[in-house]
């Protein structure tokens, strides 16, 4: 493949976007977001383009997220570069969400964070047995952005809250069962699927349906009742208490996981999802997440989470608060507060 980090071209009336940064698991940076946006804007009103396909080069994964190291370094010195990246990334997410032509995303491998943001808005979302989906942001002091508030809050029951707080990793059987991905295609069938999609198919969903198979039984289906019951609260403290009171092996395992996450991030994420569930438009959600993003990346917990997980890799972050009860509602509300009018996020 060429050295460009995103390859964009038209093939038989299909606008094709290929993520091409395999050594970084296609982690998104500002130029990649700009390149995808430029292509999508050019194709939006081009009558020669009937649909869009987004895929990736190599075999290691679709997209592991955003360029976290850059975001952390920027957050340590005022966050201007990070905010500029978020503005571009969130505009891309919104452009895809509102796009007038069908988008097909083939998420064959790891899809986390920013990768979720450029696949969830697609009308057709194809997983394979190699797919691993997660929104693991609470483990680095962040929150599930890129539209995570919107998508997670609209999953069945309380599964979105469980995924947001724990960062649980799902395979295709669970993602298809929950509607995160629309179809399962075995990885050995992906190339044949692409060939047919790139033959100029007018109805990508029908093409994918012909290639789709059964992902198998969903492992987490057995936990759905517990998830809906134990994650239904509006405070992290109540969720902790419910898990502890339940006392089952599964509940205590979730509690143990939550106790490793940033208390600030968990509180932000829970409020984010509860707020987003009541929003009318995706743009409102992205404006909320932009306010959060620019502030959170400057916080102790994000800086410390990136140090522990990505830089030093000791996986032993020292969060600012030892327990969720030490993070006040006022502190959380301040992170959600509106920005000055000239600094608010806006669509393209």
C-alpha atoms as a PDB file:
ATOM      1  CA  UNK A   1       0.000   0.000   0.000  1.00  0.00           C
ATOM      2  CA  UNK A   2       1.117   3.599  -0.472  1.00  0.00           C
ATOM      3  CA  UNK A   3       2.349   5.647   2.478  1.00  0.00           C
ATOM      4  CA  UNK A   4      -0.755   7.854   2.719  1.00  0.00           C
ATOM      5  CA  UNK A   5      -2.440   7.221   6.084  1.00  0.00           C
ATOM      6  CA  UNK A   6      -5.882   7.269   4.443  1.00  0.00           C
ATOM      7  CA  UNK A   7      -6.508   6.099   0.877  1.00  0.00           C
ATOM      8  CA  UNK A   8      -9.576   7.603  -0.828  1.00  0.00           C
ATOM      9  CA  UNK A   9     -10.764   6.782  -4.350  1.00  0.00           C
ATOM     10  CA  UNK A  10     -13.891   5.954  -6.364  1.00  0.00           C
ATOM     11  CA  UNK A  11     -14.302   2.393  -7.631  1.00  0.00           C
ATOM     12  CA  UNK A  12     -17.289   1.651  -9.875  1.00  0.00           C
ATOM     13  CA  UNK A  13     -19.398   4.337  -8.258  1.00  0.00           C
ATOM     14  CA  UNK A  14     -18.381   3.403  -4.711  1.00  0.00           C
ATOM     15  CA  UNK A  15     -16.404   5.928  -2.683  1.00  0.00           C
ATOM     16  CA  UNK A  16     -13.774   3.870  -0.887  1.00  0.00           C
ATOM     17  CA  UNK A  17     -11.920   4.968   2.243  1.00  0.00           C
ATOM     18  CA  UNK A  18      -9.133   2.690   3.473  1.00  0.00           C
ATOM     19  CA  UNK A  19      -7.396   3.376   6.771  1.00  0.00           C
ATOM     20  CA  UNK A  20      -3.690   2.875   6.086  1.00  0.00           C
ATOM     21  CA  UNK A  21      -1.719   3.329   9.290  1.00  0.00           C
ATOM     22  CA  UNK A  22      -1.311  -0.356  10.222  1.00  0.00           C
ATOM     23  CA  UNK A  23       1.697  -0.014  12.566  1.00  0.00           C
ATOM     24  CA  UNK A  24      -0.437   2.230  14.805  1.00  0.00           C
ATOM     25  CA  UNK A  25      -3.519   0.001  14.392  1.00  0.00           C
ATOM     26  CA  UNK A  26      -4.921   2.827  12.224  1.00  0.00           C
ATOM     27  CA  UNK A  27      -5.223   5.174  15.243  1.00  0.00           C
ATOM     28  CA  UNK A  28      -6.764   8.407  13.983  1.00  0.00           C
ATOM     29  CA  UNK A  29      -4.891  11.687  13.819  1.00  0.00           C
ATOM     30  CA  UNK A  30      -5.950  15.114  12.592  1.00  0.00           C
ATOM     31  CA  UNK A  31      -4.783  14.700   8.953  1.00  0.00           C
ATOM     32  CA  UNK A  32      -6.623  11.355   8.684  1.00  0.00           C
ATOM     33  CA  UNK A  33      -9.880  12.949   9.861  1.00  0.00           C
ATOM     34  CA  UNK A  34      -9.413  15.828   7.407  1.00  0.00           C
ATOM     35  CA  UNK A  35      -8.718  13.440   4.514  1.00  0.00           C
ATOM     36  CA  UNK A  36     -11.862  11.402   5.209  1.00  0.00           C
ATOM     37  CA  UNK A  37     -13.959  14.554   5.592  1.00  0.00           C
ATOM     38  CA  UNK A  38     -12.652  16.005   2.337  1.00  0.00           C
ATOM     39  CA  UNK A  39     -13.509  12.815   0.444  1.00  0.00           C
ATOM     40  CA  UNK A  40     -16.978  12.493   1.964  1.00  0.00           C
ATOM     41  CA  UNK A  41     -17.796  16.127   1.178  1.00  0.00           C
ATOM     42  CA  UNK A  42     -16.633  15.668  -2.426  1.00  0.00           C
ATOM     43  CA  UNK A  43     -18.743  12.530  -2.861  1.00  0.00           C
ATOM     44  CA  UNK A  44     -21.857  13.786  -1.082  1.00  0.00           C
ATOM     45  CA  UNK A  45     -23.284  15.574  -4.121  1.00  0.00           C
ATOM     46  CA  UNK A  46     -21.436  13.571  -6.785  1.00  0.00           C
ATOM     47  CA  UNK A  47     -24.074  11.646  -8.739  1.00  0.00           C
ATOM     48  CA  UNK A  48     -21.406   9.178  -9.856  1.00  0.00           C
ATOM     49  CA  UNK A  49     -21.002   7.973  -6.250  1.00  0.00           C
ATOM     50  CA  UNK A  50     -23.846   5.777  -4.986  1.00  0.00           C
ATOM     51  CA  UNK A  51     -22.413   4.531  -1.682  1.00  0.00           C
ATOM     52  CA  UNK A  52     -19.311   4.562   0.529  1.00  0.00           C
ATOM     53  CA  UNK A  53     -17.169   1.698   1.820  1.00  0.00           C
ATOM     54  CA  UNK A  54     -14.751   2.146   4.734  1.00  0.00           C
ATOM     55  CA  UNK A  55     -12.185  -0.560   5.452  1.00  0.00           C
ATOM     56  CA  UNK A  56      -8.528  -0.902   6.502  1.00  0.00           C
ATOM     57  CA  UNK A  57      -5.245  -2.244   5.182  1.00  0.00           C
ATOM     58  CA  UNK A  58      -3.412  -5.109   6.866  1.00  0.00           C
ATOM     59  CA  UNK A  59      -4.861  -7.693   9.234  1.00  0.00           C
ATOM     60  CA  UNK A  60      -4.243  -6.307  12.722  1.00  0.00           C
ATOM     61  CA  UNK A  61      -7.457  -4.373  13.219  1.00  0.00           C
ATOM     62  CA  UNK A  62      -9.855  -1.726  11.936  1.00  0.00           C
ATOM     63  CA  UNK A  63      -8.991   1.199  14.244  1.00  0.00           C
ATOM     64  CA  UNK A  64      -7.755   1.150  17.832  1.00  0.00           C
ATOM     65  CA  UNK A  65      -8.845   4.721  18.600  1.00  0.00           C
ATOM     66  CA  UNK A  66      -7.375   8.196  18.411  1.00  0.00           C
ATOM     67  CA  UNK A  67      -3.801   9.402  18.772  1.00  0.00           C
ATOM     68  CA  UNK A  68      -3.910   9.328  22.580  1.00  0.00           C
ATOM     69  CA  UNK A  69      -0.270  10.246  23.120  1.00  0.00           C
ATOM     70  CA  UNK A  70      -0.671  13.443  21.079  1.00  0.00           C
ATOM     71  CA  UNK A  71      -3.887  14.292  22.929  1.00  0.00           C
ATOM     72  CA  UNK A  72      -2.195  13.830  26.317  1.00  0.00           C
ATOM     73  CA  UNK A  73       0.852  15.894  25.369  1.00  0.00           C
ATOM     74  CA  UNK A  74      -1.463  18.656  24.131  1.00  0.00           C
ATOM     75  CA  UNK A  75      -3.631  18.428  27.252  1.00  0.00           C
ATOM     76  CA  UNK A  76      -0.551  19.015  29.389  1.00  0.00           C
ATOM     77  CA  UNK A  77       0.039  22.376  27.713  1.00  0.00           C
ATOM     78  CA  UNK A  78      -3.404  23.940  27.288  1.00  0.00           C
ATOM     79  CA  UNK A  79      -5.069  21.399  24.957  1.00  0.00           C
ATOM     80  CA  UNK A  80      -5.278  23.612  21.852  1.00  0.00           C
ATOM     81  CA  UNK A  81      -4.035  20.848  19.524  1.00  0.00           C
ATOM     82  CA  UNK A  82      -6.293  18.282  21.222  1.00  0.00           C
ATOM     83  CA  UNK A  83      -9.340  20.533  20.872  1.00  0.00           C
ATOM     84  CA  UNK A  84      -8.542  21.131  17.214  1.00  0.00           C
ATOM     85  CA  UNK A  85      -8.349  17.371  16.691  1.00  0.00           C
ATOM     86  CA  UNK A  86     -11.623  16.775  18.544  1.00  0.00           C
ATOM     87  CA  UNK A  87     -13.333  19.470  16.478  1.00  0.00           C
ATOM     88  CA  UNK A  88     -12.256  17.791  13.221  1.00  0.00           C
ATOM     89  CA  UNK A  89     -12.939  14.248  14.458  1.00  0.00           C
ATOM     90  CA  UNK A  90     -16.398  15.057  15.809  1.00  0.00           C
ATOM     91  CA  UNK A  91     -17.299  16.909  12.599  1.00  0.00           C
ATOM     92  CA  UNK A  92     -16.332  13.770  10.680  1.00  0.00           C
ATOM     93  CA  UNK A  93     -18.470  11.634  13.023  1.00  0.00           C
ATOM     94  CA  UNK A  94     -21.442  13.977  12.465  1.00  0.00           C
ATOM     95  CA  UNK A  95     -20.904  14.125   8.697  1.00  0.00           C
ATOM     96  CA  UNK A  96     -21.046  10.319   8.574  1.00  0.00           C
ATOM     97  CA  UNK A  97     -24.093  10.196  10.863  1.00  0.00           C
ATOM     98  CA  UNK A  98     -26.055  12.581   8.599  1.00  0.00           C
ATOM     99  CA  UNK A  99     -24.625  11.298   5.292  1.00  0.00           C
ATOM    100  CA  UNK A 100     -27.261  11.003   2.542  1.00  0.00           C
ATOM    101  CA  UNK A 101     -25.684   7.930   0.905  1.00  0.00           C
ATOM    102  CA  UNK A 102     -25.317   4.491   2.498  1.00  0.00           C
ATOM    103  CA  UNK A 103     -22.006   3.876   4.249  1.00  0.00           C
ATOM    104  CA  UNK A 104     -20.711   0.350   4.830  1.00  0.00           C
ATOM    105  CA  UNK A 105     -17.987  -0.185   7.459  1.00  0.00           C
ATOM    106  CA  UNK A 106     -16.106  -3.480   7.615  1.00  0.00           C
ATOM    107  CA  UNK A 107     -14.653  -3.770  11.120  1.00  0.00           C
ATOM    108  CA  UNK A 108     -12.492  -6.873  10.751  1.00  0.00           C
ATOM    109  CA  UNK A 109     -10.419  -6.759  13.934  1.00  0.00           C
ATOM    110  CA  UNK A 110      -9.986  -4.308  16.814  1.00  0.00           C
ATOM    111  CA  UNK A 111     -12.494  -1.438  16.871  1.00  0.00           C
ATOM    112  CA  UNK A 112     -12.220   0.871  19.851  1.00  0.00           C
ATOM    113  CA  UNK A 113     -12.666   4.562  20.654  1.00  0.00           C
ATOM    114  CA  UNK A 114     -12.180   6.611  17.499  1.00  0.00           C
ATOM    115  CA  UNK A 115     -12.718   3.473  15.405  1.00  0.00           C
ATOM    116  CA  UNK A 116     -16.192   3.170  16.887  1.00  0.00           C
ATOM    117  CA  UNK A 117     -16.791   6.816  15.971  1.00  0.00           C
ATOM    118  CA  UNK A 118     -16.170   6.183  12.260  1.00  0.00           C
ATOM    119  CA  UNK A 119     -18.052   2.878  12.074  1.00  0.00           C
ATOM    120  CA  UNK A 120     -21.135   3.289  14.265  1.00  0.00           C
ATOM    121  CA  UNK A 121     -22.629   6.047  12.041  1.00  0.00           C
ATOM    122  CA  UNK A 122     -22.505   3.676   9.038  1.00  0.00           C
ATOM    123  CA  UNK A 123     -25.805   2.172   7.915  1.00  0.00           C
ATOM    124  CA  UNK A 124     -24.173  -1.253   7.452  1.00  0.00           C
ATOM    125  CA  UNK A 125     -21.598  -2.397  10.014  1.00  0.00           C
ATOM    126  CA  UNK A 126     -19.898  -5.733   9.365  1.00  0.00           C
ATOM    127  CA  UNK A 127     -18.096  -7.671  12.107  1.00  0.00           C
ATOM    128  CA  UNK A 128     -16.005 -10.836  11.750  1.00  0.00           C
ATOM    129  CA  UNK A 129     -14.744 -13.442  14.221  1.00  0.00           C
ATOM    130  CA  UNK A 130     -11.621 -11.251  14.543  1.00  0.00           C
ATOM    131  CA  UNK A 131     -13.630  -8.229  15.695  1.00  0.00           C
ATOM    132  CA  UNK A 132     -13.032  -6.993  19.239  1.00  0.00           C
ATOM    133  CA  UNK A 133     -15.179  -4.013  20.207  1.00  0.00           C
ATOM    134  CA  UNK A 134     -14.702  -1.830  23.282  1.00  0.00           C
ATOM    135  CA  UNK A 135     -15.005   1.694  24.612  1.00  0.00           C
ATOM    136  CA  UNK A 136     -12.221   1.428  27.245  1.00  0.00           C
ATOM    137  CA  UNK A 137     -11.828   5.125  28.023  1.00  0.00           C
ATOM    138  CA  UNK A 138     -12.554   5.019  31.776  1.00  0.00           C
ATOM    139  CA  UNK A 139      -9.309   3.040  32.128  1.00  0.00           C
ATOM    140  CA  UNK A 140      -7.260   6.034  30.966  1.00  0.00           C
ATOM    141  CA  UNK A 141      -9.246   8.794  32.643  1.00  0.00           C
ATOM    142  CA  UNK A 142     -11.219   9.714  29.518  1.00  0.00           C
ATOM    143  CA  UNK A 143     -14.879   9.026  28.575  1.00  0.00           C
ATOM    144  CA  UNK A 144     -16.529   7.269  25.580  1.00  0.00           C
ATOM    145  CA  UNK A 145     -16.537  10.183  23.141  1.00  0.00           C
ATOM    146  CA  UNK A 146     -16.834  10.213  19.292  1.00  0.00           C
ATOM    147  CA  UNK A 147     -20.594   9.844  19.708  1.00  0.00           C
ATOM    148  CA  UNK A 148     -20.330   7.186  22.401  1.00  0.00           C
ATOM    149  CA  UNK A 149     -22.876   8.992  24.541  1.00  0.00           C
ATOM    150  CA  UNK A 150     -25.430   8.730  21.736  1.00  0.00           C
ATOM    151  CA  UNK A 151     -24.753   5.155  20.614  1.00  0.00           C
ATOM    152  CA  UNK A 152     -24.192   3.560  24.012  1.00  0.00           C
ATOM    153  CA  UNK A 153     -27.254   5.186  25.601  1.00  0.00           C
ATOM    154  CA  UNK A 154     -29.404   3.717  22.821  1.00  0.00           C
ATOM    155  CA  UNK A 155     -28.275   0.100  23.196  1.00  0.00           C
ATOM    156  CA  UNK A 156     -30.756  -2.367  24.759  1.00  0.00           C
ATOM    157  CA  UNK A 157     -31.400  -1.922  28.471  1.00  0.00           C
ATOM    158  CA  UNK A 158     -28.370  -0.825  30.464  1.00  0.00           C
ATOM    159  CA  UNK A 159     -25.757  -2.532  28.280  1.00  0.00           C
ATOM    160  CA  UNK A 160     -24.382   0.824  27.147  1.00  0.00           C
ATOM    161  CA  UNK A 161     -23.788   1.945  30.727  1.00  0.00           C
ATOM    162  CA  UNK A 162     -22.093  -1.369  31.542  1.00  0.00           C
ATOM    163  CA  UNK A 163     -19.842  -1.067  28.456  1.00  0.00           C
ATOM    164  CA  UNK A 164     -19.010   2.581  29.156  1.00  0.00           C
ATOM    165  CA  UNK A 165     -18.102   2.091  32.808  1.00  0.00           C
ATOM    166  CA  UNK A 166     -16.291  -1.260  32.644  1.00  0.00           C
ATOM    167  CA  UNK A 167     -14.711  -0.960  29.182  1.00  0.00           C
ATOM    168  CA  UNK A 168     -15.791  -4.571  28.575  1.00  0.00           C
ATOM    169  CA  UNK A 169     -14.570  -6.121  25.320  1.00  0.00           C
ATOM    170  CA  UNK A 170     -17.109  -7.841  23.080  1.00  0.00           C
ATOM    171  CA  UNK A 171     -16.739 -10.257  20.201  1.00  0.00           C
ATOM    172  CA  UNK A 172     -19.005 -10.346  17.158  1.00  0.00           C
ATOM    173  CA  UNK A 173     -21.692 -12.635  18.607  1.00  0.00           C
ATOM    174  CA  UNK A 174     -22.436 -10.046  21.283  1.00  0.00           C
ATOM    175  CA  UNK A 175     -22.022  -6.961  19.094  1.00  0.00           C
ATOM    176  CA  UNK A 176     -24.443  -8.297  16.482  1.00  0.00           C
ATOM    177  CA  UNK A 177     -26.923  -9.407  19.155  1.00  0.00           C
ATOM    178  CA  UNK A 178     -26.882  -5.896  20.650  1.00  0.00           C
ATOM    179  CA  UNK A 179     -27.125  -4.125  17.276  1.00  0.00           C
ATOM    180  CA  UNK A 180     -23.674  -2.528  17.558  1.00  0.00           C
ATOM    181  CA  UNK A 181     -22.876  -4.280  14.286  1.00  0.00           C
ATOM    182  CA  UNK A 182     -25.546  -5.175  11.753  1.00  0.00           C
ATOM    183  CA  UNK A 183     -24.021  -8.293  10.173  1.00  0.00           C
ATOM    184  CA  UNK A 184     -21.487 -11.057  10.761  1.00  0.00           C
ATOM    185  CA  UNK A 185     -19.288 -12.191   7.868  1.00  0.00           C
ATOM    186  CA  UNK A 186     -16.448 -14.695   8.432  1.00  0.00           C
ATOM    187  CA  UNK A 187     -13.066 -13.060   7.814  1.00  0.00           C
ATOM    188  CA  UNK A 188     -12.359 -15.523   4.996  1.00  0.00           C
ATOM    189  CA  UNK A 189     -15.399 -14.108   3.191  1.00  0.00           C
ATOM    190  CA  UNK A 190     -14.495 -10.423   3.513  1.00  0.00           C
ATOM    191  CA  UNK A 191     -12.537 -10.140   0.259  1.00  0.00           C
ATOM    192  CA  UNK A 192     -15.385 -11.686  -1.753  1.00  0.00           C
ATOM    193  CA  UNK A 193     -17.799  -9.302  -0.018  1.00  0.00           C
ATOM    194  CA  UNK A 194     -15.644  -6.306  -0.945  1.00  0.00           C
ATOM    195  CA  UNK A 195     -15.423  -7.453  -4.556  1.00  0.00           C
ATOM    196  CA  UNK A 196     -19.209  -7.535  -4.845  1.00  0.00           C
ATOM    197  CA  UNK A 197     -19.659  -4.243  -2.983  1.00  0.00           C
ATOM    198  CA  UNK A 198     -17.085  -2.582  -5.251  1.00  0.00           C
ATOM    199  CA  UNK A 199     -18.802  -3.882  -8.377  1.00  0.00           C
ATOM    200  CA  UNK A 200     -21.073  -0.868  -8.028  1.00  0.00           C
ATOM    201  CA  UNK A 201     -23.858  -2.410  -5.978  1.00  0.00           C
ATOM    202  CA  UNK A 202     -26.810  -0.048  -5.619  1.00  0.00           C
ATOM    203  CA  UNK A 203     -27.961  -1.682  -2.367  1.00  0.00           C
ATOM    204  CA  UNK A 204     -24.991  -2.470  -0.081  1.00  0.00           C
ATOM    205  CA  UNK A 205     -27.223  -3.855   2.680  1.00  0.00           C
ATOM    206  CA  UNK A 206     -28.640  -6.477   0.316  1.00  0.00           C
ATOM    207  CA  UNK A 207     -25.139  -7.475  -0.791  1.00  0.00           C
ATOM    208  CA  UNK A 208     -23.917  -7.831   2.790  1.00  0.00           C
ATOM    209  CA  UNK A 209     -27.019  -9.819   3.735  1.00  0.00           C
ATOM    210  CA  UNK A 210     -26.171 -12.363   1.028  1.00  0.00           C
ATOM    211  CA  UNK A 211     -22.686 -12.845   2.493  1.00  0.00           C
ATOM    212  CA  UNK A 212     -23.690 -12.730   6.160  1.00  0.00           C
ATOM    213  CA  UNK A 213     -23.738 -15.726   8.460  1.00  0.00           C
ATOM    214  CA  UNK A 214     -24.553 -16.592  12.056  1.00  0.00           C
ATOM    215  CA  UNK A 215     -22.113 -15.190  14.612  1.00  0.00           C
ATOM    216  CA  UNK A 216     -23.168 -17.867  17.101  1.00  0.00           C
ATOM    217  CA  UNK A 217     -24.620 -17.557  20.604  1.00  0.00           C
ATOM    218  CA  UNK A 218     -23.895 -14.299  22.437  1.00  0.00           C
ATOM    219  CA  UNK A 219     -21.818 -15.044  25.564  1.00  0.00           C
ATOM    220  CA  UNK A 220     -23.098 -12.006  27.467  1.00  0.00           C
ATOM    221  CA  UNK A 221     -26.784 -12.721  26.796  1.00  0.00           C
ATOM    222  CA  UNK A 222     -26.849 -14.642  30.069  1.00  0.00           C
ATOM    223  CA  UNK A 223     -25.841 -11.468  31.942  1.00  0.00           C
ATOM    224  CA  UNK A 224     -28.407  -9.146  30.379  1.00  0.00           C
ATOM    225  CA  UNK A 225     -30.887  -9.353  33.257  1.00  0.00           C
ATOM    226  CA  UNK A 226     -28.145  -8.583  35.777  1.00  0.00           C
ATOM    227  CA  UNK A 227     -26.781  -5.722  33.660  1.00  0.00           C
ATOM    228  CA  UNK A 228     -30.205  -4.121  33.323  1.00  0.00           C
ATOM    229  CA  UNK A 229     -30.883  -4.458  37.051  1.00  0.00           C
ATOM    230  CA  UNK A 230     -27.502  -3.502  38.501  1.00  0.00           C
ATOM    231  CA  UNK A 231     -26.518  -0.690  36.113  1.00  0.00           C
ATOM    232  CA  UNK A 232     -29.897   1.087  36.108  1.00  0.00           C
ATOM    233  CA  UNK A 233     -28.920   3.742  38.666  1.00  0.00           C
ATOM    234  CA  UNK A 234     -28.030   7.385  38.108  1.00  0.00           C
ATOM    235  CA  UNK A 235     -25.002   7.460  40.401  1.00  0.00           C
ATOM    236  CA  UNK A 236     -21.835   5.377  40.330  1.00  0.00           C
ATOM    237  CA  UNK A 237     -22.085   4.909  44.093  1.00  0.00           C
ATOM    238  CA  UNK A 238     -25.493   3.223  43.709  1.00  0.00           C
ATOM    239  CA  UNK A 239     -24.135   0.929  40.995  1.00  0.00           C
ATOM    240  CA  UNK A 240     -21.222  -0.052  43.266  1.00  0.00           C
ATOM    241  CA  UNK A 241     -23.635  -0.749  46.116  1.00  0.00           C
ATOM    242  CA  UNK A 242     -25.965  -2.805  43.914  1.00  0.00           C
ATOM    243  CA  UNK A 243     -23.103  -4.946  42.610  1.00  0.00           C
ATOM    244  CA  UNK A 244     -21.812  -5.531  46.119  1.00  0.00           C
ATOM    245  CA  UNK A 245     -25.276  -6.375  47.471  1.00  0.00           C
ATOM    246  CA  UNK A 246     -25.920  -8.787  44.585  1.00  0.00           C
ATOM    247  CA  UNK A 247     -22.813 -10.718  45.574  1.00  0.00           C
ATOM    248  CA  UNK A 248     -22.783 -13.071  42.592  1.00  0.00           C
ATOM    249  CA  UNK A 249     -19.466 -14.026  41.033  1.00  0.00           C
ATOM    250  CA  UNK A 250     -20.298 -11.988  37.924  1.00  0.00           C
ATOM    251  CA  UNK A 251     -21.384  -8.902  39.892  1.00  0.00           C
ATOM    252  CA  UNK A 252     -18.284  -8.949  42.089  1.00  0.00           C
ATOM    253  CA  UNK A 253     -16.088  -9.310  39.000  1.00  0.00           C
ATOM    254  CA  UNK A 254     -17.712  -6.185  37.523  1.00  0.00           C
ATOM    255  CA  UNK A 255     -17.179  -4.336  40.803  1.00  0.00           C
ATOM    256  CA  UNK A 256     -13.520  -5.332  40.887  1.00  0.00           C
ATOM    257  CA  UNK A 257     -13.114  -4.022  37.337  1.00  0.00           C
ATOM    258  CA  UNK A 258     -14.848  -0.730  38.154  1.00  0.00           C
ATOM    259  CA  UNK A 259     -12.559  -0.188  41.145  1.00  0.00           C
ATOM    260  CA  UNK A 260      -9.586  -0.020  38.746  1.00  0.00           C
ATOM    261  CA  UNK A 261     -11.173   2.756  36.634  1.00  0.00           C
ATOM    262  CA  UNK A 262     -10.963   6.528  37.095  1.00  0.00           C
ATOM    263  CA  UNK A 263     -13.702   7.600  39.523  1.00  0.00           C
ATOM    264  CA  UNK A 264     -13.977  10.951  37.717  1.00  0.00           C
ATOM    265  CA  UNK A 265     -14.282   9.217  34.338  1.00  0.00           C
ATOM    266  CA  UNK A 266     -16.976   6.851  35.554  1.00  0.00           C
ATOM    267  CA  UNK A 267     -19.051   9.739  36.904  1.00  0.00           C
ATOM    268  CA  UNK A 268     -18.583  11.744  33.707  1.00  0.00           C
ATOM    269  CA  UNK A 269     -19.475   8.735  31.533  1.00  0.00           C
ATOM    270  CA  UNK A 270     -22.624   7.900  33.482  1.00  0.00           C
ATOM    271  CA  UNK A 271     -23.872  11.493  33.331  1.00  0.00           C
ATOM    272  CA  UNK A 272     -22.896  11.656  29.650  1.00  0.00           C
ATOM    273  CA  UNK A 273     -25.046   8.622  28.784  1.00  0.00           C
ATOM    274  CA  UNK A 274     -28.004   9.663  30.921  1.00  0.00           C
ATOM    275  CA  UNK A 275     -27.898  13.153  29.363  1.00  0.00           C
ATOM    276  CA  UNK A 276     -27.474  11.911  25.815  1.00  0.00           C
ATOM    277  CA  UNK A 277     -30.452   9.560  26.115  1.00  0.00           C
ATOM    278  CA  UNK A 278     -32.673  12.647  26.272  1.00  0.00           C
ATOM    279  CA  UNK A 279     -31.050  14.632  23.473  1.00  0.00           C
ATOM    280  CA  UNK A 280     -32.903  15.123  20.189  1.00  0.00           C
ATOM    281  CA  UNK A 281     -29.959  15.370  17.773  1.00  0.00           C
ATOM    282  CA  UNK A 282     -26.541  13.835  17.281  1.00  0.00           C
ATOM    283  CA  UNK A 283     -25.111  17.354  16.921  1.00  0.00           C
ATOM    284  CA  UNK A 284     -26.241  18.222  20.471  1.00  0.00           C
ATOM    285  CA  UNK A 285     -24.443  15.129  21.703  1.00  0.00           C
ATOM    286  CA  UNK A 286     -21.226  16.046  19.894  1.00  0.00           C
ATOM    287  CA  UNK A 287     -21.322  19.596  21.301  1.00  0.00           C
ATOM    288  CA  UNK A 288     -21.605  18.110  24.808  1.00  0.00           C
ATOM    289  CA  UNK A 289     -18.724  15.705  24.197  1.00  0.00           C
ATOM    290  CA  UNK A 290     -16.561  18.518  22.804  1.00  0.00           C
ATOM    291  CA  UNK A 291     -17.020  20.530  26.015  1.00  0.00           C
ATOM    292  CA  UNK A 292     -16.017  17.479  28.018  1.00  0.00           C
ATOM    293  CA  UNK A 293     -13.080  16.529  25.819  1.00  0.00           C
ATOM    294  CA  UNK A 294     -11.220  19.818  25.986  1.00  0.00           C
ATOM    295  CA  UNK A 295     -11.491  19.860  29.784  1.00  0.00           C
ATOM    296  CA  UNK A 296     -10.920  16.194  30.605  1.00  0.00           C
ATOM    297  CA  UNK A 297      -7.653  15.935  28.639  1.00  0.00           C
ATOM    298  CA  UNK A 298      -6.170  18.595  30.938  1.00  0.00           C
ATOM    299  CA  UNK A 299      -7.205  16.728  34.090  1.00  0.00           C
ATOM    300  CA  UNK A 300      -4.912  14.781  36.409  1.00  0.00           C
ATOM    301  CA  UNK A 301      -6.744  11.504  35.762  1.00  0.00           C
ATOM    302  CA  UNK A 302      -6.311  11.599  31.990  1.00  0.00           C
ATOM    303  CA  UNK A 303      -2.658  12.581  32.201  1.00  0.00           C
ATOM    304  CA  UNK A 304      -2.052   9.853  34.795  1.00  0.00           C
ATOM    305  CA  UNK A 305      -4.096   7.247  32.920  1.00  0.00           C
ATOM    306  CA  UNK A 306      -2.111   7.769  29.719  1.00  0.00           C
ATOM    307  CA  UNK A 307       1.141   7.629  31.690  1.00  0.00           C
ATOM    308  CA  UNK A 308       0.176   4.343  33.359  1.00  0.00           C
ATOM    309  CA  UNK A 309      -1.384   2.545  30.389  1.00  0.00           C
ATOM    310  CA  UNK A 310       0.344   3.949  27.296  1.00  0.00           C
ATOM    311  CA  UNK A 311       3.652   5.602  28.266  1.00  0.00           C
ATOM    312  CA  UNK A 312       5.127   3.689  31.225  1.00  0.00           C
ATOM    313  CA  UNK A 313       2.800   0.696  30.811  1.00  0.00           C
ATOM    314  CA  UNK A 314       2.867  -0.090  34.545  1.00  0.00           C
ATOM    315  CA  UNK A 315      -0.954  -0.235  34.549  1.00  0.00           C
ATOM    316  CA  UNK A 316      -0.986   1.288  38.032  1.00  0.00           C
ATOM    317  CA  UNK A 317      -2.620   4.722  37.712  1.00  0.00           C
ATOM    318  CA  UNK A 318      -2.901   6.882  40.833  1.00  0.00           C
ATOM    319  CA  UNK A 319      -6.297   8.533  40.347  1.00  0.00           C
ATOM    320  CA  UNK A 320      -7.002  11.910  41.957  1.00  0.00           C
ATOM    321  CA  UNK A 321      -9.874  10.349  43.944  1.00  0.00           C
ATOM    322  CA  UNK A 322      -9.623   6.954  45.612  1.00  0.00           C
ATOM    323  CA  UNK A 323     -13.383   6.396  45.441  1.00  0.00           C
ATOM    324  CA  UNK A 324     -16.331   7.814  43.428  1.00  0.00           C
ATOM    325  CA  UNK A 325     -17.752   9.390  46.608  1.00  0.00           C
ATOM    326  CA  UNK A 326     -14.746  11.749  46.628  1.00  0.00           C
ATOM    327  CA  UNK A 327     -15.739  13.272  43.263  1.00  0.00           C
ATOM    328  CA  UNK A 328     -18.370  15.962  43.825  1.00  0.00           C
ATOM    329  CA  UNK A 329     -21.372  16.646  41.627  1.00  0.00           C
ATOM    330  CA  UNK A 330     -20.150  20.237  41.318  1.00  0.00           C
ATOM    331  CA  UNK A 331     -16.836  19.031  39.875  1.00  0.00           C
ATOM    332  CA  UNK A 332     -18.676  16.932  37.296  1.00  0.00           C
ATOM    333  CA  UNK A 333     -21.163  19.685  36.440  1.00  0.00           C
ATOM    334  CA  UNK A 334     -18.262  22.067  35.757  1.00  0.00           C
ATOM    335  CA  UNK A 335     -16.908  19.682  33.107  1.00  0.00           C
ATOM    336  CA  UNK A 336     -20.293  19.737  31.311  1.00  0.00           C
ATOM    337  CA  UNK A 337     -20.761  23.512  31.476  1.00  0.00           C
ATOM    338  CA  UNK A 338     -21.272  25.432  28.210  1.00  0.00           C
ATOM    339  CA  UNK A 339     -18.240  27.040  26.584  1.00  0.00           C
ATOM    340  CA  UNK A 340     -18.089  30.698  25.518  1.00  0.00           C
ATOM    341  CA  UNK A 341     -20.223  31.048  22.377  1.00  0.00           C
ATOM    342  CA  UNK A 342     -17.210  31.482  20.083  1.00  0.00           C
ATOM    343  CA  UNK A 343     -15.574  28.302  21.422  1.00  0.00           C
ATOM    344  CA  UNK A 344     -18.520  25.894  21.131  1.00  0.00           C
ATOM    345  CA  UNK A 345     -18.386  22.992  18.693  1.00  0.00           C
ATOM    346  CA  UNK A 346     -20.437  23.328  15.497  1.00  0.00           C
ATOM    347  CA  UNK A 347     -21.160  21.057  12.561  1.00  0.00           C
ATOM    348  CA  UNK A 348     -19.434  21.556   9.212  1.00  0.00           C
END
